[in-house]
């Protein structure tokens, strides 16, 4: 790194160059005109060339002075901007969460802009995984998992009880129909996860015969299953909470909001000794508020109580 002259002179020089006046520079810097003149003379001495040509009651930048003034001004602006960014981030908190892919894609990502707007000081970092995570060892603050057995070693908050509901795209409505009825199911493919058991349970509860139904393709993830329903490929039995955003958007209609209970509950999990960390408290509160709003997308009181 090249040896630099005393840096104090550069600020006096930049102000004098901008105003073309030692007096106005002194007023801005809240020093005397003599102090500005002395600092610039010392800078010129160290540089080995004149920055200003001096005439009675008038100064003008030399060619070298004009070139240096531009560089100094940009450098000081860069320093000021960097300091402002550092100061604005002085109280920023980082929150790392690991989320199962289906929940991230269908529920969290469509809503996450709201969290960022409410908490601009929290740097939220989302990783998707279905693997077991050691929060402390792997450096995560929170985990969102869909399971029937919460981890007893973690602070686990129930976000949503397992509930599956049959949904379909408005594309399936023909001949001016406002909605589908149960009797219409025999006309459509019934889409499902790995097996048809949830459909068969629901059909029994409605007094319908599964033998009269056409069970279509199975999907190993909720995301493709919801996408297939939106595309109008059939009526799908989907996790109610994961479909809530598409229901709100009008991309899916609910055949029966009461649905059928499952053991796939959704939990927010964290370390017991970090539950009071401000960023974690803020995220947990936001999650619960969003969950309440998600439930409101269903019109049945019975359905609302069981999502």
Protein backbone atom coordinates (compact mmCIF):
# COMPACT_ATOMS: atom_id res chain seq x y z
CA UNK A 1 0.00 0.00 0.00
CA UNK A 2 1.35 3.42 -0.98
CA UNK A 3 2.19 5.82 1.81
CA UNK A 4 -0.57 8.42 2.14
CA UNK A 5 -0.39 12.03 3.35
CA UNK A 6 -2.19 12.90 6.62
CA UNK A 7 -5.85 12.12 5.95
CA UNK A 8 -7.24 15.17 7.75
CA UNK A 9 -6.23 17.38 4.84
CA UNK A 10 -8.32 15.45 2.32
CA UNK A 11 -11.64 16.49 3.87
CA UNK A 12 -10.61 20.15 3.91
CA UNK A 13 -9.42 19.82 0.32
CA UNK A 14 -12.67 18.18 -0.86
CA UNK A 15 -14.81 20.91 0.71
CA UNK A 16 -12.61 23.73 -0.66
CA UNK A 17 -12.62 22.14 -4.13
CA UNK A 18 -16.42 21.77 -4.08
CA UNK A 19 -17.04 25.38 -2.96
CA UNK A 20 -14.00 26.89 -4.71
CA UNK A 21 -13.59 28.78 -1.44
CA UNK A 22 -11.56 28.26 1.73
CA UNK A 23 -14.04 30.41 3.65
CA UNK A 24 -17.11 28.34 2.71
CA UNK A 25 -15.20 25.14 3.35
CA UNK A 26 -14.33 26.40 6.82
CA UNK A 27 -17.98 27.19 7.53
CA UNK A 28 -19.07 23.66 6.54
CA UNK A 29 -16.32 22.02 8.60
CA UNK A 30 -16.90 24.37 11.53
CA UNK A 31 -13.25 25.49 11.65
CA UNK A 32 -11.46 28.72 10.81
CA UNK A 33 -10.49 29.73 7.29
CA UNK A 34 -6.87 29.76 8.43
CA UNK A 35 -7.16 26.13 9.59
CA UNK A 36 -8.47 25.03 6.17
CA UNK A 37 -5.70 26.94 4.38
CA UNK A 38 -3.03 25.37 6.64
CA UNK A 39 -4.36 21.80 6.18
CA UNK A 40 -4.35 22.20 2.41
CA UNK A 41 -0.81 23.63 2.42
CA UNK A 42 0.37 20.60 4.44
CA UNK A 43 -1.38 18.29 1.96
CA UNK A 44 0.30 20.04 -0.98
CA UNK A 45 3.67 19.70 0.76
CA UNK A 46 3.27 15.93 1.17
CA UNK A 47 1.95 15.51 -2.37
CA UNK A 48 4.69 17.58 -3.94
CA UNK A 49 2.40 19.65 -6.17
CA UNK A 50 -0.10 22.51 -5.90
CA UNK A 51 -3.79 21.76 -5.65
CA UNK A 52 -4.96 25.36 -6.07
CA UNK A 53 -3.73 28.40 -7.87
CA UNK A 54 -4.14 31.34 -5.50
CA UNK A 55 -5.06 34.88 -6.49
CA UNK A 56 -6.23 37.76 -4.30
CA UNK A 57 -9.61 36.77 -2.85
CA UNK A 58 -9.90 33.87 -5.32
CA UNK A 59 -8.72 30.28 -5.69
CA UNK A 60 -8.94 27.82 -8.59
CA UNK A 61 -8.11 24.15 -8.88
CA UNK A 62 -5.02 23.24 -10.80
CA UNK A 63 -5.23 20.44 -13.37
CA UNK A 64 -3.83 17.94 -10.87
CA UNK A 65 -6.02 19.38 -8.15
CA UNK A 66 -9.17 18.86 -10.25
CA UNK A 67 -8.20 15.24 -10.97
CA UNK A 68 -7.54 14.51 -7.31
CA UNK A 69 -10.71 16.28 -6.16
CA UNK A 70 -12.87 13.87 -8.16
CA UNK A 71 -11.10 10.84 -6.67
CA UNK A 72 -11.22 12.17 -3.11
CA UNK A 73 -14.92 13.01 -3.39
CA UNK A 74 -15.80 9.49 -4.58
CA UNK A 75 -13.66 7.93 -1.85
CA UNK A 76 -15.30 9.98 0.91
CA UNK A 77 -18.78 9.18 -0.45
CA UNK A 78 -17.93 5.47 -0.50
CA UNK A 79 -16.72 5.65 3.08
CA UNK A 80 -19.87 7.49 4.16
CA UNK A 81 -22.16 4.97 2.45
CA UNK A 82 -20.29 2.04 3.98
CA UNK A 83 -20.53 3.55 7.46
CA UNK A 84 -24.27 4.15 6.97
CA UNK A 85 -24.81 0.53 5.96
CA UNK A 86 -22.82 -0.71 8.93
CA UNK A 87 -24.77 1.51 11.29
CA UNK A 88 -28.12 0.39 9.84
CA UNK A 89 -27.08 -3.25 10.30
CA UNK A 90 -25.68 -2.74 13.78
CA UNK A 91 -28.75 -4.32 15.38
CA UNK A 92 -29.43 -6.92 12.67
CA UNK A 93 -30.04 -10.47 13.82
CA UNK A 94 -29.54 -13.58 11.74
CA UNK A 95 -32.15 -16.33 12.01
CA UNK A 96 -31.40 -19.68 10.36
CA UNK A 97 -34.28 -22.10 9.96
CA UNK A 98 -34.52 -25.53 8.34
CA UNK A 99 -37.87 -26.33 6.75
CA UNK A 100 -39.32 -29.37 5.01
CA UNK A 101 -39.51 -28.60 1.26
CA UNK A 102 -43.30 -28.98 0.93
CA UNK A 103 -44.00 -26.51 3.75
CA UNK A 104 -41.40 -24.07 2.43
CA UNK A 105 -42.78 -24.11 -1.12
CA UNK A 106 -46.51 -24.17 -0.42
CA UNK A 107 -46.87 -22.23 2.82
CA UNK A 108 -43.80 -20.27 3.91
CA UNK A 109 -42.41 -18.75 0.70
CA UNK A 110 -45.73 -17.21 -0.44
CA UNK A 111 -45.91 -15.38 2.91
CA UNK A 112 -42.29 -14.64 3.78
CA UNK A 113 -42.26 -11.14 2.28
CA UNK A 114 -44.67 -10.09 5.04
CA UNK A 115 -42.22 -11.24 7.72
CA UNK A 116 -39.35 -9.35 6.07
CA UNK A 117 -41.48 -6.20 5.89
CA UNK A 118 -42.46 -6.49 9.56
CA UNK A 119 -38.91 -7.33 10.72
CA UNK A 120 -36.37 -5.71 8.37
CA UNK A 121 -33.66 -6.07 11.05
CA UNK A 122 -33.84 -9.89 10.94
CA UNK A 123 -31.75 -11.61 8.29
CA UNK A 124 -33.81 -14.77 7.66
CA UNK A 125 -31.96 -17.68 6.09
CA UNK A 126 -34.03 -20.67 4.97
CA UNK A 127 -32.67 -24.13 4.19
CA UNK A 128 -34.92 -26.95 3.01
CA UNK A 129 -34.41 -30.50 4.23
CA UNK A 130 -36.36 -33.50 5.45
CA UNK A 131 -33.36 -34.97 7.24
CA UNK A 132 -32.86 -35.07 10.99
CA UNK A 133 -31.10 -31.90 12.05
CA UNK A 134 -29.06 -31.31 15.20
CA UNK A 135 -29.92 -27.63 15.66
CA UNK A 136 -26.97 -26.79 17.90
CA UNK A 137 -24.40 -28.78 15.94
CA UNK A 138 -25.61 -27.71 12.49
CA UNK A 139 -26.02 -24.04 13.40
CA UNK A 140 -29.79 -23.64 13.04
CA UNK A 141 -32.06 -21.61 15.29
CA UNK A 142 -35.36 -23.27 14.37
CA UNK A 143 -36.75 -26.24 12.47
CA UNK A 144 -40.19 -26.73 10.94
CA UNK A 145 -41.09 -30.38 10.63
CA UNK A 146 -44.25 -32.36 9.84
CA UNK A 147 -44.39 -35.34 12.17
CA UNK A 148 -46.60 -37.27 14.58
CA UNK A 149 -43.93 -37.32 17.32
CA UNK A 150 -42.27 -33.99 18.29
CA UNK A 151 -38.68 -34.11 19.50
CA UNK A 152 -38.76 -34.26 23.33
CA UNK A 153 -35.32 -32.63 23.55
CA UNK A 154 -36.50 -29.46 21.82
CA UNK A 155 -38.98 -26.71 22.55
CA UNK A 156 -41.80 -27.77 20.20
CA UNK A 157 -44.75 -25.55 19.35
CA UNK A 158 -47.68 -27.07 17.49
CA UNK A 159 -48.43 -24.94 14.44
CA UNK A 160 -51.07 -27.04 12.79
CA UNK A 161 -52.86 -30.33 13.48
CA UNK A 162 -52.90 -32.79 10.62
CA UNK A 163 -55.94 -32.43 8.39
CA UNK A 164 -56.44 -33.53 4.79
CA UNK A 165 -59.20 -32.04 2.63
CA UNK A 166 -60.41 -32.78 -0.89
CA UNK A 167 -59.76 -29.89 -3.26
CA UNK A 168 -60.21 -29.23 -6.97
CA UNK A 169 -59.55 -26.59 -9.57
CA UNK A 170 -62.33 -24.26 -10.77
CA UNK A 171 -61.36 -25.60 -14.20
CA UNK A 172 -63.41 -28.71 -13.38
CA UNK A 173 -66.64 -26.73 -13.09
CA UNK A 174 -68.75 -27.07 -16.22
CA UNK A 175 -72.21 -26.06 -17.35
CA UNK A 176 -72.43 -23.10 -14.97
CA UNK A 177 -71.84 -25.14 -11.81
CA UNK A 178 -70.72 -23.10 -8.79
CA UNK A 179 -69.17 -26.09 -7.03
CA UNK A 180 -68.82 -29.85 -7.19
CA UNK A 181 -70.98 -32.22 -5.17
CA UNK A 182 -70.02 -35.59 -3.74
CA UNK A 183 -71.89 -37.35 -6.54
CA UNK A 184 -69.62 -35.66 -9.07
CA UNK A 185 -66.56 -37.51 -7.78
CA UNK A 186 -67.24 -40.54 -9.96
CA UNK A 187 -66.65 -38.30 -12.99
CA UNK A 188 -63.15 -37.28 -11.95
CA UNK A 189 -59.82 -38.87 -11.11
CA UNK A 190 -59.04 -38.88 -7.38
CA UNK A 191 -55.43 -37.78 -6.81
CA UNK A 192 -53.54 -38.83 -3.70
CA UNK A 193 -50.22 -39.30 -1.93
CA UNK A 194 -48.50 -42.70 -1.69
CA UNK A 195 -51.70 -44.67 -1.07
CA UNK A 196 -55.45 -44.18 -1.25
CA UNK A 197 -56.20 -44.78 2.43
CA UNK A 198 -57.13 -41.18 3.26
CA UNK A 199 -59.52 -41.07 0.32
CA UNK A 200 -61.08 -44.37 1.37
CA UNK A 201 -61.54 -43.17 4.96
CA UNK A 202 -63.16 -39.95 3.79
CA UNK A 203 -65.45 -41.78 1.36
CA UNK A 204 -66.62 -44.13 4.14
CA UNK A 205 -67.40 -41.14 6.38
CA UNK A 206 -69.55 -39.71 3.60
CA UNK A 207 -71.30 -43.02 2.98
CA UNK A 208 -69.77 -43.32 -0.49
CA UNK A 209 -68.37 -46.45 -2.12
CA UNK A 210 -64.70 -46.34 -3.10
CA UNK A 211 -65.39 -49.02 -5.71
CA UNK A 212 -67.22 -46.41 -7.77
CA UNK A 213 -64.21 -44.07 -7.79
CA UNK A 214 -61.26 -43.78 -10.17
CA UNK A 215 -58.04 -43.46 -8.17
CA UNK A 216 -55.39 -41.82 -10.29
CA UNK A 217 -51.68 -41.11 -10.00
CA UNK A 218 -49.95 -41.04 -6.62
CA UNK A 219 -47.39 -38.43 -5.57
CA UNK A 220 -44.66 -38.78 -2.96
CA UNK A 221 -44.70 -35.04 -2.15
CA UNK A 222 -47.48 -32.59 -1.36
CA UNK A 223 -46.10 -29.97 -3.77
CA UNK A 224 -46.66 -31.98 -6.99
CA UNK A 225 -50.02 -33.19 -5.66
CA UNK A 226 -51.24 -29.61 -5.14
CA UNK A 227 -49.85 -28.62 -8.54
CA UNK A 228 -51.73 -31.47 -10.20
CA UNK A 229 -54.97 -30.34 -8.58
CA UNK A 230 -54.42 -26.74 -9.71
CA UNK A 231 -53.82 -28.01 -13.23
CA UNK A 232 -57.26 -29.63 -13.20
CA UNK A 233 -56.02 -33.20 -13.35
CA UNK A 234 -58.57 -34.33 -10.78
CA UNK A 235 -59.78 -33.94 -7.21
CA UNK A 236 -56.91 -34.23 -4.73
CA UNK A 237 -56.77 -35.16 -1.05
CA UNK A 238 -54.20 -32.67 0.25
CA UNK A 239 -52.89 -31.34 3.58
CA UNK A 240 -55.26 -28.48 4.37
CA UNK A 241 -52.66 -26.07 5.69
CA UNK A 242 -50.33 -26.59 2.74
CA UNK A 243 -53.13 -25.84 0.30
CA UNK A 244 -54.38 -22.76 2.19
CA UNK A 245 -52.54 -20.17 0.08
CA UNK A 246 -53.84 -21.60 -3.21
CA UNK A 247 -57.34 -21.72 -1.72
CA UNK A 248 -57.02 -18.06 -0.75
CA UNK A 249 -55.87 -17.20 -4.28
CA UNK A 250 -58.90 -18.98 -5.74
CA UNK A 251 -56.78 -21.57 -7.53
CA UNK A 252 -58.35 -24.37 -5.50
CA UNK A 253 -61.86 -24.95 -4.14
CA UNK A 254 -62.61 -27.11 -1.10
CA UNK A 255 -65.07 -29.96 -1.54
CA UNK A 256 -65.32 -30.63 2.22
CA UNK A 257 -63.52 -28.38 4.75
CA UNK A 258 -64.18 -30.88 7.57
CA UNK A 259 -61.85 -33.31 5.83
CA UNK A 260 -60.16 -36.13 7.63
CA UNK A 261 -57.71 -35.99 10.52
CA UNK A 262 -54.17 -37.26 10.05
CA UNK A 263 -51.18 -37.66 12.33
CA UNK A 264 -49.05 -35.31 10.18
CA UNK A 265 -48.86 -32.39 12.60
CA UNK A 266 -46.66 -29.39 11.88
CA UNK A 267 -44.27 -28.22 14.62
CA UNK A 268 -41.92 -25.28 15.08
CA UNK A 269 -38.93 -26.62 17.01
CA UNK A 270 -36.08 -24.80 18.72
CA UNK A 271 -33.44 -25.20 21.39
CA UNK A 272 -34.84 -24.82 24.90
CA UNK A 273 -32.11 -22.39 25.96
CA UNK A 274 -32.72 -19.95 23.06
CA UNK A 275 -36.51 -19.57 23.16
CA UNK A 276 -36.21 -15.99 24.42
CA UNK A 277 -33.89 -14.83 21.63
CA UNK A 278 -35.67 -11.76 20.15
CA UNK A 279 -35.52 -12.99 16.54
CA UNK A 280 -36.96 -16.37 17.54
CA UNK A 281 -39.74 -14.74 19.57
CA UNK A 282 -40.61 -12.51 16.61
CA UNK A 283 -40.66 -15.37 14.12
CA UNK A 284 -42.75 -17.60 16.39
CA UNK A 285 -45.30 -14.84 16.94
CA UNK A 286 -45.48 -14.11 13.21
CA UNK A 287 -45.93 -17.81 12.41
CA UNK A 288 -48.87 -18.14 14.80
CA UNK A 289 -50.53 -15.03 13.38
CA UNK A 290 -50.16 -16.38 9.85
CA UNK A 291 -51.54 -19.76 10.93
CA UNK A 292 -54.70 -18.09 12.22
CA UNK A 293 -55.08 -16.26 8.91
CA UNK A 294 -54.53 -19.50 7.00
CA UNK A 295 -57.37 -21.18 8.89
CA UNK A 296 -59.71 -18.35 7.89
CA UNK A 297 -59.46 -19.49 4.28
CA UNK A 298 -61.81 -22.35 5.14
CA UNK A 299 -65.48 -21.52 5.54
CA UNK A 300 -66.59 -24.37 7.80
CA UNK A 301 -66.38 -23.89 11.55
CA UNK A 302 -65.69 -27.61 11.90
CA UNK A 303 -62.87 -27.33 9.41
CA UNK A 304 -61.49 -24.28 11.13
CA UNK A 305 -61.27 -26.04 14.45
CA UNK A 306 -59.31 -28.95 13.08
CA UNK A 307 -56.67 -27.41 10.77
